[in-house]
Amino acid sequence: SFDCSGLTSAAWARGGVSLVRYSGAQYQQTMRIGSNDLQPGDLLFWGPGGSDHVDIYIGGGMVVSASNPSVGVILAPVGYNGPPSGYGRVRA
């Protein structure tokens, strides 16, 4: 089971990219992009400096999310958690 930043770091690790294990630090580690530039694998952040939550964009207006280990991993529409505060592209 995962929390949000654990999921994003584990997913990107499978692709050979190391991400730190905290959403705010992941926000700092990614390149800022606009909502119209989203591609699968990009990260969506909530809260100041991405400190509250992070999801992985999978395309078609959907994200993979893990709010906490008890909820598990879910698929959800981009706006399910309110409007994101920022978008980031992982530098592979």
N, C-alpha and C. Protein backbone atom coordinates (compact mmCIF):
# COMPACT_ATOMS: atom_id res chain seq x y z
N SER A 1 0.84 -1.19 0.00
CA SER A 1 0.00 0.00 0.00
C SER A 1 0.89 1.25 0.00
N PHE A 2 0.32 2.34 -0.44
CA PHE A 2 1.08 3.58 -0.62
C PHE A 2 0.33 4.78 -0.06
N ASP A 3 1.10 5.82 0.24
CA ASP A 3 0.54 7.15 0.35
C ASP A 3 0.87 7.84 -0.97
N CYS A 4 0.49 9.10 -1.14
CA CYS A 4 0.60 9.73 -2.46
C CYS A 4 2.04 9.83 -2.97
N SER A 5 2.94 10.34 -2.16
CA SER A 5 4.32 10.51 -2.64
C SER A 5 5.05 9.17 -2.73
N GLY A 6 4.64 8.20 -1.93
CA GLY A 6 5.21 6.85 -2.04
C GLY A 6 4.85 6.23 -3.37
N LEU A 7 3.60 6.44 -3.80
CA LEU A 7 3.16 5.91 -5.10
C LEU A 7 3.93 6.56 -6.24
N THR A 8 4.04 7.88 -6.23
CA THR A 8 4.73 8.57 -7.33
C THR A 8 6.20 8.19 -7.37
N SER A 9 6.86 8.11 -6.22
CA SER A 9 8.28 7.74 -6.22
C SER A 9 8.47 6.29 -6.65
N ALA A 10 7.58 5.38 -6.24
CA ALA A 10 7.69 3.97 -6.64
C ALA A 10 7.43 3.81 -8.13
N ALA A 11 6.44 4.52 -8.66
CA ALA A 11 6.13 4.42 -10.09
C ALA A 11 7.29 4.91 -10.93
N TRP A 12 7.85 6.05 -10.58
CA TRP A 12 8.96 6.57 -11.36
C TRP A 12 10.23 5.75 -11.16
N ALA A 13 10.41 5.14 -9.99
CA ALA A 13 11.56 4.26 -9.78
C ALA A 13 11.52 3.07 -10.74
N ARG A 14 10.30 2.58 -11.02
CA ARG A 14 10.15 1.48 -11.99
C ARG A 14 10.63 1.90 -13.37
N GLY A 15 10.56 3.21 -13.63
CA GLY A 15 11.05 3.75 -14.90
C GLY A 15 12.51 4.18 -14.84
N GLY A 16 13.16 3.90 -13.71
CA GLY A 16 14.57 4.22 -13.59
C GLY A 16 14.88 5.63 -13.13
N VAL A 17 13.87 6.35 -12.62
CA VAL A 17 14.06 7.73 -12.17
C VAL A 17 13.81 7.81 -10.67
N SER A 18 14.74 8.41 -9.97
CA SER A 18 14.63 8.54 -8.51
C SER A 18 13.93 9.85 -8.15
N LEU A 19 12.82 9.75 -7.43
CA LEU A 19 12.14 10.92 -6.88
C LEU A 19 12.22 10.85 -5.37
N VAL A 20 12.40 12.00 -4.74
CA VAL A 20 12.39 12.06 -3.29
C VAL A 20 11.02 11.64 -2.78
N ARG A 21 10.88 11.36 -1.50
CA ARG A 21 9.67 10.74 -0.96
C ARG A 21 8.83 11.72 -0.14
N TYR A 22 8.55 12.89 -0.68
CA TYR A 22 7.69 13.89 -0.05
C TYR A 22 7.14 14.77 -1.16
N SER A 23 5.83 15.02 -1.16
CA SER A 23 5.21 15.72 -2.28
C SER A 23 5.77 17.12 -2.50
N GLY A 24 6.04 17.86 -1.44
CA GLY A 24 6.62 19.20 -1.60
C GLY A 24 8.00 19.17 -2.23
N ALA A 25 8.79 18.17 -1.87
CA ALA A 25 10.12 18.02 -2.47
C ALA A 25 10.01 17.54 -3.92
N GLN A 26 9.02 16.70 -4.21
CA GLN A 26 8.80 16.28 -5.59
C GLN A 26 8.40 17.47 -6.45
N TYR A 27 7.61 18.37 -5.88
CA TYR A 27 7.23 19.60 -6.59
C TYR A 27 8.48 20.37 -7.00
N GLN A 28 9.42 20.49 -6.07
CA GLN A 28 10.66 21.22 -6.36
C GLN A 28 11.54 20.48 -7.36
N GLN A 29 11.43 19.16 -7.40
CA GLN A 29 12.27 18.33 -8.26
C GLN A 29 11.75 18.28 -9.71
N THR A 30 10.50 18.71 -9.94
CA THR A 30 9.92 18.63 -11.28
C THR A 30 9.90 19.99 -11.97
N MET A 31 9.79 19.96 -13.28
CA MET A 31 9.71 21.16 -14.10
C MET A 31 8.25 21.61 -14.17
N ARG A 32 7.98 22.90 -13.94
CA ARG A 32 6.63 23.43 -14.00
C ARG A 32 6.10 23.38 -15.43
N ILE A 33 4.86 22.94 -15.56
CA ILE A 33 4.16 22.92 -16.84
C ILE A 33 2.74 23.45 -16.61
N GLY A 34 2.03 23.74 -17.69
CA GLY A 34 0.66 24.18 -17.59
C GLY A 34 -0.30 23.01 -17.70
N SER A 35 -1.53 23.22 -17.28
CA SER A 35 -2.53 22.15 -17.32
C SER A 35 -2.81 21.67 -18.75
N ASN A 36 -2.64 22.54 -19.73
CA ASN A 36 -2.87 22.16 -21.12
C ASN A 36 -1.72 21.34 -21.71
N ASP A 37 -0.61 21.25 -20.98
CA ASP A 37 0.57 20.53 -21.46
C ASP A 37 0.70 19.14 -20.83
N LEU A 38 -0.29 18.72 -20.04
CA LEU A 38 -0.18 17.44 -19.33
C LEU A 38 0.00 16.25 -20.28
N GLN A 39 0.95 15.39 -19.91
CA GLN A 39 1.20 14.14 -20.61
C GLN A 39 1.21 13.02 -19.58
N PRO A 40 0.91 11.79 -19.97
CA PRO A 40 0.98 10.69 -19.03
C PRO A 40 2.34 10.66 -18.32
N GLY A 41 2.28 10.48 -17.00
CA GLY A 41 3.48 10.47 -16.18
C GLY A 41 3.73 11.78 -15.46
N ASP A 42 3.10 12.88 -15.92
CA ASP A 42 3.25 14.15 -15.23
C ASP A 42 2.59 14.08 -13.86
N LEU A 43 3.03 14.94 -12.96
CA LEU A 43 2.52 14.95 -11.60
C LEU A 43 1.64 16.18 -11.38
N LEU A 44 0.55 15.99 -10.64
CA LEU A 44 -0.36 17.06 -10.26
C LEU A 44 -0.23 17.24 -8.75
N PHE A 45 -0.11 18.49 -8.32
CA PHE A 45 0.13 18.80 -6.91
C PHE A 45 -0.99 19.64 -6.33
N TRP A 46 -1.22 19.47 -5.04
CA TRP A 46 -2.17 20.28 -4.28
C TRP A 46 -1.46 20.85 -3.07
N GLY A 47 -1.89 22.05 -2.68
CA GLY A 47 -1.34 22.71 -1.50
C GLY A 47 -0.18 23.62 -1.84
N PRO A 48 0.21 24.45 -0.88
CA PRO A 48 1.32 25.39 -1.11
C PRO A 48 2.60 24.63 -1.45
N GLY A 49 3.18 24.95 -2.59
CA GLY A 49 4.41 24.27 -3.01
C GLY A 49 4.24 22.78 -3.18
N GLY A 50 3.01 22.33 -3.44
CA GLY A 50 2.75 20.92 -3.63
C GLY A 50 2.82 20.09 -2.37
N SER A 51 2.71 20.74 -1.23
CA SER A 51 2.96 20.06 0.05
C SER A 51 1.81 19.18 0.56
N ASP A 52 0.61 19.30 -0.01
CA ASP A 52 -0.53 18.55 0.52
C ASP A 52 -0.77 17.19 -0.14
N HIS A 53 -0.56 17.12 -1.46
CA HIS A 53 -0.91 15.88 -2.17
C HIS A 53 -0.30 15.88 -3.56
N VAL A 54 -0.05 14.68 -4.10
CA VAL A 54 0.47 14.53 -5.46
C VAL A 54 -0.19 13.31 -6.11
N ASP A 55 -0.55 13.44 -7.39
CA ASP A 55 -1.12 12.35 -8.19
C ASP A 55 -0.32 12.22 -9.48
N ILE A 56 -0.51 11.11 -10.18
CA ILE A 56 0.14 10.86 -11.47
C ILE A 56 -0.92 10.93 -12.57
N TYR A 57 -0.68 11.78 -13.55
CA TYR A 57 -1.59 11.88 -14.69
C TYR A 57 -1.37 10.69 -15.61
N ILE A 58 -2.48 10.04 -16.05
CA ILE A 58 -2.35 8.88 -16.94
C ILE A 58 -2.97 9.13 -18.31
N GLY A 59 -3.53 10.32 -18.52
CA GLY A 59 -4.13 10.65 -19.80
C GLY A 59 -5.64 10.61 -19.73
N GLY A 60 -6.29 11.20 -20.73
CA GLY A 60 -7.74 11.18 -20.80
C GLY A 60 -8.42 11.86 -19.63
N GLY A 61 -7.75 12.81 -19.00
CA GLY A 61 -8.34 13.51 -17.86
C GLY A 61 -8.36 12.70 -16.57
N MET A 62 -7.56 11.64 -16.50
CA MET A 62 -7.56 10.76 -15.33
C MET A 62 -6.20 10.74 -14.64
N VAL A 63 -6.24 10.47 -13.32
CA VAL A 63 -5.03 10.34 -12.52
C VAL A 63 -5.06 9.02 -11.74
N VAL A 64 -3.88 8.59 -11.33
CA VAL A 64 -3.74 7.50 -10.36
C VAL A 64 -3.40 8.19 -9.05
N SER A 65 -4.11 7.82 -8.00
CA SER A 65 -3.97 8.49 -6.73
C SER A 65 -3.90 7.48 -5.58
N ALA A 66 -3.18 7.87 -4.55
CA ALA A 66 -3.14 7.08 -3.31
C ALA A 66 -3.14 8.07 -2.16
N SER A 67 -4.32 8.39 -1.64
CA SER A 67 -4.41 9.38 -0.56
C SER A 67 -3.70 8.92 0.69
N ASN A 68 -3.88 7.65 1.04
CA ASN A 68 -3.21 7.08 2.20
C ASN A 68 -3.30 5.56 2.09
N PRO A 69 -2.50 4.84 2.87
CA PRO A 69 -2.49 3.39 2.74
C PRO A 69 -3.84 2.71 2.98
N SER A 70 -4.70 3.30 3.79
CA SER A 70 -5.98 2.64 4.06
C SER A 70 -6.96 2.77 2.90
N VAL A 71 -6.83 3.81 2.08
CA VAL A 71 -7.71 4.00 0.93
C VAL A 71 -7.25 3.14 -0.25
N GLY A 72 -5.95 3.00 -0.40
CA GLY A 72 -5.41 2.25 -1.52
C GLY A 72 -5.25 3.11 -2.75
N VAL A 73 -4.86 2.48 -3.83
CA VAL A 73 -4.62 3.18 -5.10
C VAL A 73 -5.92 3.20 -5.89
N ILE A 74 -6.27 4.40 -6.39
CA ILE A 74 -7.51 4.57 -7.15
C ILE A 74 -7.25 5.29 -8.46
N LEU A 75 -8.18 5.14 -9.40
CA LEU A 75 -8.23 5.96 -10.61
C LEU A 75 -9.31 6.99 -10.40
N ALA A 76 -9.04 8.24 -10.78
CA ALA A 76 -10.00 9.31 -10.55
C ALA A 76 -9.83 10.39 -11.63
N PRO A 77 -10.88 11.19 -11.85
CA PRO A 77 -10.74 12.32 -12.77
C PRO A 77 -9.83 13.39 -12.16
N VAL A 78 -9.18 14.16 -13.01
CA VAL A 78 -8.23 15.18 -12.55
C VAL A 78 -8.82 16.07 -11.46
N GLY A 79 -10.05 16.52 -11.57
CA GLY A 79 -10.62 17.47 -10.61
C GLY A 79 -11.24 16.86 -9.37
N TYR A 80 -11.05 15.57 -9.13
CA TYR A 80 -11.72 14.90 -8.00
C TYR A 80 -11.35 15.51 -6.66
N ASN A 81 -10.18 16.07 -6.56
CA ASN A 81 -9.65 16.58 -5.29
C ASN A 81 -9.62 18.11 -5.28
N GLY A 82 -10.42 18.73 -6.15
CA GLY A 82 -10.37 20.18 -6.31
C GLY A 82 -9.28 20.54 -7.31
N PRO A 83 -9.18 21.82 -7.66
CA PRO A 83 -8.19 22.20 -8.66
C PRO A 83 -6.76 22.05 -8.12
N PRO A 84 -5.87 21.45 -8.90
CA PRO A 84 -4.48 21.34 -8.47
C PRO A 84 -3.83 22.71 -8.34
N SER A 85 -2.84 22.80 -7.49
CA SER A 85 -2.11 24.06 -7.31
C SER A 85 -0.91 24.14 -8.25
N GLY A 86 -0.54 23.02 -8.88
CA GLY A 86 0.58 23.04 -9.81
C GLY A 86 0.72 21.72 -10.52
N TYR A 87 1.50 21.76 -11.59
CA TYR A 87 1.73 20.60 -12.44
C TYR A 87 3.23 20.48 -12.66
N GLY A 88 3.74 19.25 -12.63
CA GLY A 88 5.18 19.07 -12.81
C GLY A 88 5.52 17.94 -13.75
N ARG A 89 6.58 18.14 -14.49
CA ARG A 89 7.09 17.09 -15.37
C ARG A 89 8.40 16.58 -14.78
N VAL A 90 8.48 15.27 -14.66
CA VAL A 90 9.68 14.64 -14.12
C VAL A 90 10.79 14.72 -15.17
N ARG A 91 11.95 15.13 -14.74
CA ARG A 91 13.10 15.21 -15.63
C ARG A 91 13.81 13.87 -15.62
N ALA A 92 13.59 13.11 -16.66
CA ALA A 92 14.16 11.75 -16.73
C ALA A 92 15.62 11.77 -17.11
